[in-house]
Amino acid sequence: TQPLRRVSLRARSDGQLLTLNADVGDPVFQGQVI
C-alpha cells in the first residue's frame, strides 16, 4: 500500500527555521501553516 499522493514540503526561503508545528503521524490540512 502507498498513499494516493506523496508530497515533499520544501522551504522556499533561506534562513533559520523558527517553528515547526507537525510531527510524524499528525494530520495536516490544506492551507494550514506548518
PDB file of all heavy atoms in Angstrom:
ATOM      1  N   THR A   1       0.837  -1.194   0.000  1.00  0.00           N
ATOM      2  CA  THR A   1       0.000   0.000   0.000  1.00  0.00           C
ATOM      3  C   THR A   1       0.874   1.246   0.000  1.00  0.00           C
ATOM      4  O   THR A   1       1.969   1.265   0.565  1.00  0.00           O
ATOM      5  CB  THR A   1      -0.920   0.021   1.231  1.00  0.00           C
ATOM      6  OG1 THR A   1      -0.116   0.034   2.427  1.00  0.00           O
ATOM      7  CG2 THR A   1      -1.837  -1.174   1.250  1.00  0.00           C
ATOM      8  N   GLN A   2       0.362   2.283  -0.636  1.00  0.00           N
ATOM      9  CA  GLN A   2       1.030   3.571  -0.656  1.00  0.00           C
ATOM     10  C   GLN A   2      -0.027   4.660  -0.792  1.00  0.00           C
ATOM     11  O   GLN A   2      -1.144   4.394  -1.243  1.00  0.00           O
ATOM     12  CB  GLN A   2       2.029   3.651  -1.808  1.00  0.00           C
ATOM     13  CG  GLN A   2       1.418   3.432  -3.180  1.00  0.00           C
ATOM     14  CD  GLN A   2       2.469   3.386  -4.268  1.00  0.00           C
ATOM     15  OE1 GLN A   2       3.647   3.501  -4.011  1.00  0.00           O
ATOM     16  NE2 GLN A   2       2.030   3.238  -5.504  1.00  0.00           N
ATOM     17  N   PRO A   3       0.286   5.895  -0.365  1.00  0.00           N
ATOM     18  CA  PRO A   3      -0.722   6.961  -0.432  1.00  0.00           C
ATOM     19  C   PRO A   3      -1.052   7.335  -1.863  1.00  0.00           C
ATOM     20  O   PRO A   3      -0.274   7.077  -2.792  1.00  0.00           O
ATOM     21  CB  PRO A   3      -0.046   8.130   0.314  1.00  0.00           C
ATOM     22  CG  PRO A   3       1.416   7.849   0.215  1.00  0.00           C
ATOM     23  CD  PRO A   3       1.561   6.364   0.225  1.00  0.00           C
ATOM     24  N   LEU A   4      -2.236   7.949  -2.016  1.00  0.00           N
ATOM     25  CA  LEU A   4      -2.653   8.411  -3.339  1.00  0.00           C
ATOM     26  C   LEU A   4      -1.649   9.408  -3.909  1.00  0.00           C
ATOM     27  O   LEU A   4      -1.296   9.362  -5.082  1.00  0.00           O
ATOM     28  CB  LEU A   4      -4.038   9.063  -3.239  1.00  0.00           C
ATOM     29  CG  LEU A   4      -4.593   9.693  -4.519  1.00  0.00           C
ATOM     30  CD1 LEU A   4      -4.849   8.622  -5.561  1.00  0.00           C
ATOM     31  CD2 LEU A   4      -5.865  10.467  -4.220  1.00  0.00           C
ATOM     32  N   ARG A   5      -1.184  10.312  -3.054  1.00  0.00           N
ATOM     33  CA  ARG A   5      -0.148  11.273  -3.451  1.00  0.00           C
ATOM     34  C   ARG A   5       0.873  11.388  -2.338  1.00  0.00           C
ATOM     35  O   ARG A   5       0.538  11.302  -1.157  1.00  0.00           O
ATOM     36  CB  ARG A   5      -0.748  12.654  -3.734  1.00  0.00           C
ATOM     37  CG  ARG A   5      -1.517  12.763  -5.016  1.00  0.00           C
ATOM     38  CD  ARG A   5      -1.936  14.196  -5.286  1.00  0.00           C
ATOM     39  NE  ARG A   5      -2.911  14.668  -4.310  1.00  0.00           N
ATOM     40  CZ  ARG A   5      -3.298  15.927  -4.187  1.00  0.00           C
ATOM     41  NH1 ARG A   5      -2.785  16.856  -4.970  1.00  0.00           N
ATOM     42  NH2 ARG A   5      -4.211  16.269  -3.294  1.00  0.00           N
ATOM     43  N   ARG A   6       2.109  11.610  -2.710  1.00  0.00           N
ATOM     44  CA  ARG A   6       3.193  11.843  -1.760  1.00  0.00           C
ATOM     45  C   ARG A   6       3.866  13.157  -2.135  1.00  0.00           C
ATOM     46  O   ARG A   6       4.287  13.324  -3.287  1.00  0.00           O
ATOM     47  CB  ARG A   6       4.192  10.688  -1.790  1.00  0.00           C
ATOM     48  CG  ARG A   6       5.245  10.767  -0.683  1.00  0.00           C
ATOM     49  CD  ARG A   6       6.248   9.633  -0.811  1.00  0.00           C
ATOM     50  NE  ARG A   6       7.250   9.714   0.234  1.00  0.00           N
ATOM     51  CZ  ARG A   6       7.284   8.937   1.303  1.00  0.00           C
ATOM     52  NH1 ARG A   6       6.344   8.008   1.447  1.00  0.00           N
ATOM     53  NH2 ARG A   6       8.227   9.067   2.205  1.00  0.00           N
ATOM     54  N   VAL A   7       3.930  14.084  -1.181  1.00  0.00           N
ATOM     55  CA  VAL A   7       4.417  15.439  -1.450  1.00  0.00           C
ATOM     56  C   VAL A   7       5.557  15.761  -0.497  1.00  0.00           C
ATOM     57  O   VAL A   7       5.465  15.489   0.712  1.00  0.00           O
ATOM     58  CB  VAL A   7       3.289  16.483  -1.287  1.00  0.00           C
ATOM     59  CG1 VAL A   7       3.829  17.891  -1.489  1.00  0.00           C
ATOM     60  CG2 VAL A   7       2.169  16.198  -2.268  1.00  0.00           C
ATOM     61  N   SER A   8       6.618  16.353  -1.043  1.00  0.00           N
ATOM     62  CA  SER A   8       7.721  16.858  -0.224  1.00  0.00           C
ATOM     63  C   SER A   8       7.469  18.338   0.054  1.00  0.00           C
ATOM     64  O   SER A   8       7.420  19.147  -0.871  1.00  0.00           O
ATOM     65  CB  SER A   8       9.063  16.678  -0.937  1.00  0.00           C
ATOM     66  OG  SER A   8       9.353  15.310  -1.132  1.00  0.00           O
ATOM     67  N   LEU A   9       7.290  18.675   1.319  1.00  0.00           N
ATOM     68  CA  LEU A   9       7.082  20.079   1.715  1.00  0.00           C
ATOM     69  C   LEU A   9       8.452  20.726   1.864  1.00  0.00           C
ATOM     70  O   LEU A   9       9.233  20.356   2.747  1.00  0.00           O
ATOM     71  CB  LEU A   9       6.298  20.138   3.026  1.00  0.00           C
ATOM     72  CG  LEU A   9       5.790  21.524   3.435  1.00  0.00           C
ATOM     73  CD1 LEU A   9       4.745  22.013   2.440  1.00  0.00           C
ATOM     74  CD2 LEU A   9       5.202  21.481   4.834  1.00  0.00           C
ATOM     75  N   ARG A  10       8.750  21.709   1.011  1.00  0.00           N
ATOM     76  CA  ARG A  10      10.083  22.302   0.939  1.00  0.00           C
ATOM     77  C   ARG A  10      10.063  23.755   1.379  1.00  0.00           C
ATOM     78  O   ARG A  10       9.062  24.460   1.218  1.00  0.00           O
ATOM     79  CB  ARG A  10      10.637  22.216  -0.490  1.00  0.00           C
ATOM     80  CG  ARG A  10      10.776  20.793  -1.005  1.00  0.00           C
ATOM     81  CD  ARG A  10      11.251  20.767  -2.441  1.00  0.00           C
ATOM     82  NE  ARG A  10      11.343  19.401  -2.957  1.00  0.00           N
ATOM     83  CZ  ARG A  10      12.423  18.646  -2.865  1.00  0.00           C
ATOM     84  NH1 ARG A  10      13.517  19.136  -2.279  1.00  0.00           N
ATOM     85  NH2 ARG A  10      12.435  17.415  -3.346  1.00  0.00           N
ATOM     86  N   ALA A  11      11.209  24.196   1.942  1.00  0.00           N
ATOM     87  CA  ALA A  11      11.385  25.617   2.259  1.00  0.00           C
ATOM     88  C   ALA A  11      11.560  26.395   0.964  1.00  0.00           C
ATOM     89  O   ALA A  11      12.187  25.918   0.009  1.00  0.00           O
ATOM     90  CB  ALA A  11      12.608  25.798   3.155  1.00  0.00           C
ATOM     91  N   ARG A  12      10.975  27.610   0.925  1.00  0.00           N
ATOM     92  CA  ARG A  12      11.102  28.446  -0.273  1.00  0.00           C
ATOM     93  C   ARG A  12      11.857  29.738   0.010  1.00  0.00           C
ATOM     94  O   ARG A  12      11.885  30.633  -0.829  1.00  0.00           O
ATOM     95  CB  ARG A  12       9.717  28.757  -0.829  1.00  0.00           C
ATOM     96  CG  ARG A  12       8.999  27.509  -1.349  1.00  0.00           C
ATOM     97  CD  ARG A  12       7.763  27.861  -2.116  1.00  0.00           C
ATOM     98  NE  ARG A  12       6.711  28.402  -1.262  1.00  0.00           N
ATOM     99  CZ  ARG A  12       5.558  28.888  -1.696  1.00  0.00           C
ATOM    100  NH1 ARG A  12       5.306  28.891  -2.996  1.00  0.00           N
ATOM    101  NH2 ARG A  12       4.656  29.357  -0.853  1.00  0.00           N
ATOM    102  N   SER A  13      12.465  29.823   1.183  1.00  0.00           N
ATOM    103  CA  SER A  13      13.302  30.979   1.508  1.00  0.00           C
ATOM    104  C   SER A  13      14.446  30.510   2.402  1.00  0.00           C
ATOM    105  O   SER A  13      14.383  29.423   2.996  1.00  0.00           O
ATOM    106  CB  SER A  13      12.484  32.068   2.211  1.00  0.00           C
ATOM    107  OG  SER A  13      11.988  31.590   3.451  1.00  0.00           O
ATOM    108  N   ASP A  14      15.475  31.308   2.453  1.00  0.00           N
ATOM    109  CA  ASP A  14      16.656  30.981   3.257  1.00  0.00           C
ATOM    110  C   ASP A  14      16.518  31.585   4.651  1.00  0.00           C
ATOM    111  O   ASP A  14      15.939  32.663   4.822  1.00  0.00           O
ATOM    112  CB  ASP A  14      17.923  31.516   2.591  1.00  0.00           C
ATOM    113  CG  ASP A  14      18.109  30.975   1.183  1.00  0.00           C
ATOM    114  OD1 ASP A  14      17.517  29.918   0.895  1.00  0.00           O
ATOM    115  OD2 ASP A  14      18.831  31.607   0.390  1.00  0.00           O
ATOM    116  N   GLY A  15      17.074  30.906   5.638  1.00  0.00           N
ATOM    117  CA  GLY A  15      17.065  31.445   6.999  1.00  0.00           C
ATOM    118  C   GLY A  15      16.944  30.341   8.030  1.00  0.00           C
ATOM    119  O   GLY A  15      17.031  29.145   7.714  1.00  0.00           O
ATOM    120  N   GLN A  16      16.705  30.762   9.249  1.00  0.00           N
ATOM    121  CA  GLN A  16      16.560  29.801  10.342  1.00  0.00           C
ATOM    122  C   GLN A  16      15.105  29.350  10.456  1.00  0.00           C
ATOM    123  O   GLN A  16      14.181  30.143  10.329  1.00  0.00           O
ATOM    124  CB  GLN A  16      17.015  30.437  11.655  1.00  0.00           C
ATOM    125  CG  GLN A  16      17.054  29.464  12.826  1.00  0.00           C
ATOM    126  CD  GLN A  16      17.539  30.130  14.096  1.00  0.00           C
ATOM    127  OE1 GLN A  16      17.242  31.305  14.331  1.00  0.00           O
ATOM    128  NE2 GLN A  16      18.278  29.413  14.909  1.00  0.00           N
ATOM    129  N   LEU A  17      14.921  28.051  10.667  1.00  0.00           N
ATOM    130  CA  LEU A  17      13.581  27.508  10.862  1.00  0.00           C
ATOM    131  C   LEU A  17      13.131  27.853  12.279  1.00  0.00           C
ATOM    132  O   LEU A  17      13.665  27.322  13.255  1.00  0.00           O
ATOM    133  CB  LEU A  17      13.589  25.995  10.640  1.00  0.00           C
ATOM    134  CG  LEU A  17      12.235  25.285  10.673  1.00  0.00           C
ATOM    135  CD1 LEU A  17      11.336  25.791   9.553  1.00  0.00           C
ATOM    136  CD2 LEU A  17      12.419  23.779  10.560  1.00  0.00           C
ATOM    137  N   LEU A  18      12.143  28.757  12.378  1.00  0.00           N
ATOM    138  CA  LEU A  18      11.705  29.244  13.687  1.00  0.00           C
ATOM    139  C   LEU A  18      10.735  28.283  14.351  1.00  0.00           C
ATOM    140  O   LEU A  18      10.883  27.952  15.531  1.00  0.00           O
ATOM    141  CB  LEU A  18      11.075  30.631  13.546  1.00  0.00           C
ATOM    142  CG  LEU A  18      11.992  31.732  12.995  1.00  0.00           C
ATOM    143  CD1 LEU A  18      11.229  33.045  12.894  1.00  0.00           C
ATOM    144  CD2 LEU A  18      13.224  31.883  13.871  1.00  0.00           C
ATOM    145  N   THR A  19       9.712  27.828  13.627  1.00  0.00           N
ATOM    146  CA  THR A  19       8.704  26.939  14.214  1.00  0.00           C
ATOM    147  C   THR A  19       8.389  25.804  13.251  1.00  0.00           C
ATOM    148  O   THR A  19       8.482  25.961  12.033  1.00  0.00           O
ATOM    149  CB  THR A  19       7.404  27.701  14.532  1.00  0.00           C
ATOM    150  OG1 THR A  19       6.851  28.240  13.313  1.00  0.00           O
ATOM    151  CG2 THR A  19       7.647  28.824  15.514  1.00  0.00           C
ATOM    152  N   LEU A  20       7.994  24.652  13.815  1.00  0.00           N
ATOM    153  CA  LEU A  20       7.556  23.507  13.042  1.00  0.00           C
ATOM    154  C   LEU A  20       6.482  22.809  13.867  1.00  0.00           C
ATOM    155  O   LEU A  20       6.764  22.240  14.926  1.00  0.00           O
ATOM    156  CB  LEU A  20       8.718  22.557  12.755  1.00  0.00           C
ATOM    157  CG  LEU A  20       8.437  21.340  11.872  1.00  0.00           C
ATOM    158  CD1 LEU A  20       7.820  21.757  10.552  1.00  0.00           C
ATOM    159  CD2 LEU A  20       9.712  20.540  11.627  1.00  0.00           C
ATOM    160  N   ASN A  21       5.230  22.901  13.399  1.00  0.00           N
ATOM    161  CA  ASN A  21       4.083  22.544  14.228  1.00  0.00           C
ATOM    162  C   ASN A  21       3.500  21.169  13.928  1.00  0.00           C
ATOM    163  O   ASN A  21       2.348  20.913  14.282  1.00  0.00           O
ATOM    164  CB  ASN A  21       2.979  23.598  14.047  1.00  0.00           C
ATOM    165  CG  ASN A  21       3.477  24.990  14.369  1.00  0.00           C
ATOM    166  OD1 ASN A  21       4.247  25.177  15.306  1.00  0.00           O
ATOM    167  ND2 ASN A  21       3.061  25.963  13.573  1.00  0.00           N
ATOM    168  N   ALA A  22       4.229  20.289  13.285  1.00  0.00           N
ATOM    169  CA  ALA A  22       3.694  18.967  12.960  1.00  0.00           C
ATOM    170  C   ALA A  22       4.802  17.936  13.079  1.00  0.00           C
ATOM    171  O   ALA A  22       5.980  18.236  12.843  1.00  0.00           O
ATOM    172  CB  ALA A  22       3.095  18.940  11.565  1.00  0.00           C
ATOM    173  N   ASP A  23       4.415  16.725  13.455  1.00  0.00           N
ATOM    174  CA  ASP A  23       5.362  15.625  13.580  1.00  0.00           C
ATOM    175  C   ASP A  23       4.803  14.409  12.847  1.00  0.00           C
ATOM    176  O   ASP A  23       3.672  14.425  12.349  1.00  0.00           O
ATOM    177  CB  ASP A  23       5.619  15.313  15.050  1.00  0.00           C
ATOM    178  CG  ASP A  23       7.010  14.718  15.263  1.00  0.00           C
ATOM    179  OD1 ASP A  23       7.581  14.188  14.292  1.00  0.00           O
ATOM    180  OD2 ASP A  23       7.523  14.783  16.401  1.00  0.00           O
ATOM    181  N   VAL A  24       5.590  13.342  12.781  1.00  0.00           N
ATOM    182  CA  VAL A  24       5.213  12.140  12.052  1.00  0.00           C
ATOM    183  C   VAL A  24       3.887  11.591  12.590  1.00  0.00           C
ATOM    184  O   VAL A  24       3.702  11.436  13.797  1.00  0.00           O
ATOM    185  CB  VAL A  24       6.315  11.073  12.169  1.00  0.00           C
ATOM    186  CG1 VAL A  24       5.876   9.775  11.503  1.00  0.00           C
ATOM    187  CG2 VAL A  24       7.605  11.571  11.550  1.00  0.00           C
ATOM    188  N   GLY A  25       2.962  11.331  11.668  1.00  0.00           N
ATOM    189  CA  GLY A  25       1.667  10.788  12.030  1.00  0.00           C
ATOM    190  C   GLY A  25       0.591  11.828  12.242  1.00  0.00           C
ATOM    191  O   GLY A  25      -0.597  11.477  12.318  1.00  0.00           O
ATOM    192  N   ASP A  26       0.966  13.114  12.330  1.00  0.00           N
ATOM    193  CA  ASP A  26      -0.028  14.165  12.549  1.00  0.00           C
ATOM    194  C   ASP A  26      -0.791  14.446  11.260  1.00  0.00           C
ATOM    195  O   ASP A  26      -0.188  14.532  10.181  1.00  0.00           O
ATOM    196  CB  ASP A  26       0.642  15.453  13.034  1.00  0.00           C
ATOM    197  CG  ASP A  26       1.218  15.316  14.428  1.00  0.00           C
ATOM    198  OD1 ASP A  26       0.831  14.353  15.119  1.00  0.00           O
ATOM    199  OD2 ASP A  26       2.056  16.153  14.815  1.00  0.00           O
ATOM    200  N   PRO A  27      -2.109  14.657  11.354  1.00  0.00           N
ATOM    201  CA  PRO A  27      -2.853  15.107  10.173  1.00  0.00           C
ATOM    202  C   PRO A  27      -2.667  16.604   9.972  1.00  0.00           C
ATOM    203  O   PRO A  27      -2.586  17.372  10.937  1.00  0.00           O
ATOM    204  CB  PRO A  27      -4.298  14.757  10.529  1.00  0.00           C
ATOM    205  CG  PRO A  27      -4.335  14.815  12.026  1.00  0.00           C
ATOM    206  CD  PRO A  27      -2.987  14.378  12.511  1.00  0.00           C
ATOM    207  N   VAL A  28      -2.592  17.031   8.741  1.00  0.00           N
ATOM    208  CA  VAL A  28      -2.492  18.449   8.402  1.00  0.00           C
ATOM    209  C   VAL A  28      -3.547  18.747   7.340  1.00  0.00           C
ATOM    210  O   VAL A  28      -4.011  17.843   6.642  1.00  0.00           O
ATOM    211  CB  VAL A  28      -1.081  18.825   7.899  1.00  0.00           C
ATOM    212  CG1 VAL A  28      -0.053  18.662   8.991  1.00  0.00           C
ATOM    213  CG2 VAL A  28      -0.699  17.994   6.680  1.00  0.00           C
ATOM    214  N   PHE A  29      -3.900  20.024   7.220  1.00  0.00           N
ATOM    215  CA  PHE A  29      -4.986  20.424   6.332  1.00  0.00           C
ATOM    216  C   PHE A  29      -4.483  21.448   5.323  1.00  0.00           C
ATOM    217  O   PHE A  29      -3.543  22.203   5.584  1.00  0.00           O
ATOM    218  CB  PHE A  29      -6.148  20.990   7.145  1.00  0.00           C
ATOM    219  CG  PHE A  29      -6.623  20.051   8.222  1.00  0.00           C
ATOM    220  CD1 PHE A  29      -6.186  20.190   9.527  1.00  0.00           C
ATOM    221  CD2 PHE A  29      -7.474  19.001   7.903  1.00  0.00           C
ATOM    222  CE1 PHE A  29      -6.590  19.313  10.522  1.00  0.00           C
ATOM    223  CE2 PHE A  29      -7.894  18.119   8.889  1.00  0.00           C
ATOM    224  CZ  PHE A  29      -7.446  18.271  10.204  1.00  0.00           C
ATOM    225  N   GLN A  30      -5.113  21.457   4.179  1.00  0.00           N
ATOM    226  CA  GLN A  30      -4.698  22.358   3.105  1.00  0.00           C
ATOM    227  C   GLN A  30      -4.761  23.805   3.583  1.00  0.00           C
ATOM    228  O   GLN A  30      -5.775  24.252   4.112  1.00  0.00           O
ATOM    229  CB  GLN A  30      -5.580  22.165   1.887  1.00  0.00           C
ATOM    230  CG  GLN A  30      -5.148  22.989   0.681  1.00  0.00           C
ATOM    231  CD  GLN A  30      -5.970  22.652  -0.550  1.00  0.00           C
ATOM    232  OE1 GLN A  30      -6.927  21.890  -0.471  1.00  0.00           O
ATOM    233  NE2 GLN A  30      -5.602  23.216  -1.689  1.00  0.00           N
ATOM    234  N   GLY A  31      -3.673  24.553   3.388  1.00  0.00           N
ATOM    235  CA  GLY A  31      -3.597  25.943   3.804  1.00  0.00           C
ATOM    236  C   GLY A  31      -3.092  26.143   5.221  1.00  0.00           C
ATOM    237  O   GLY A  31      -2.766  27.282   5.607  1.00  0.00           O
ATOM    238  N   GLN A  32      -3.002  25.099   6.010  1.00  0.00           N
ATOM    239  CA  GLN A  32      -2.521  25.221   7.388  1.00  0.00           C
ATOM    240  C   GLN A  32      -1.030  25.543   7.387  1.00  0.00           C
ATOM    241  O   GLN A  32      -0.238  24.879   6.731  1.00  0.00           O
ATOM    242  CB  GLN A  32      -2.772  23.907   8.137  1.00  0.00           C
ATOM    243  CG  GLN A  32      -2.205  23.887   9.548  1.00  0.00           C
ATOM    244  CD  GLN A  32      -2.345  22.508  10.191  1.00  0.00           C
ATOM    245  OE1 GLN A  32      -3.061  21.647   9.681  1.00  0.00           O
ATOM    246  NE2 GLN A  32      -1.672  22.306  11.310  1.00  0.00           N
ATOM    247  N   VAL A  33      -0.643  26.607   8.126  1.00  0.00           N
ATOM    248  CA  VAL A  33       0.761  26.988   8.223  1.00  0.00           C
ATOM    249  C   VAL A  33       1.445  26.006   9.173  1.00  0.00           C
ATOM    250  O   VAL A  33       1.138  25.958  10.366  1.00  0.00           O
ATOM    251  CB  VAL A  33       0.917  28.435   8.715  1.00  0.00           C
ATOM    252  CG1 VAL A  33       2.398  28.761   8.902  1.00  0.00           C
ATOM    253  CG2 VAL A  33       0.297  29.398   7.714  1.00  0.00           C
ATOM    254  N   ILE A  34       2.382  25.245   8.625  1.00  0.00           N
ATOM    255  CA  ILE A  34       3.045  24.206   9.408  1.00  0.00           C
ATOM    256  C   ILE A  34       4.378  24.688   9.960  1.00  0.00           C
ATOM    257  O   ILE A  34       4.764  24.326  11.075  1.00  0.00           O
ATOM    258  CB  ILE A  34       3.258  22.960   8.534  1.00  0.00           C
ATOM    259  CG1 ILE A  34       1.911  22.431   8.034  1.00  0.00           C
ATOM    260  CG2 ILE A  34       3.994  21.869   9.290  1.00  0.00           C
ATOM    261  CD1 ILE A  34       2.024  21.275   7.084  1.00  0.00           C
TER     262      ILE A  34
END
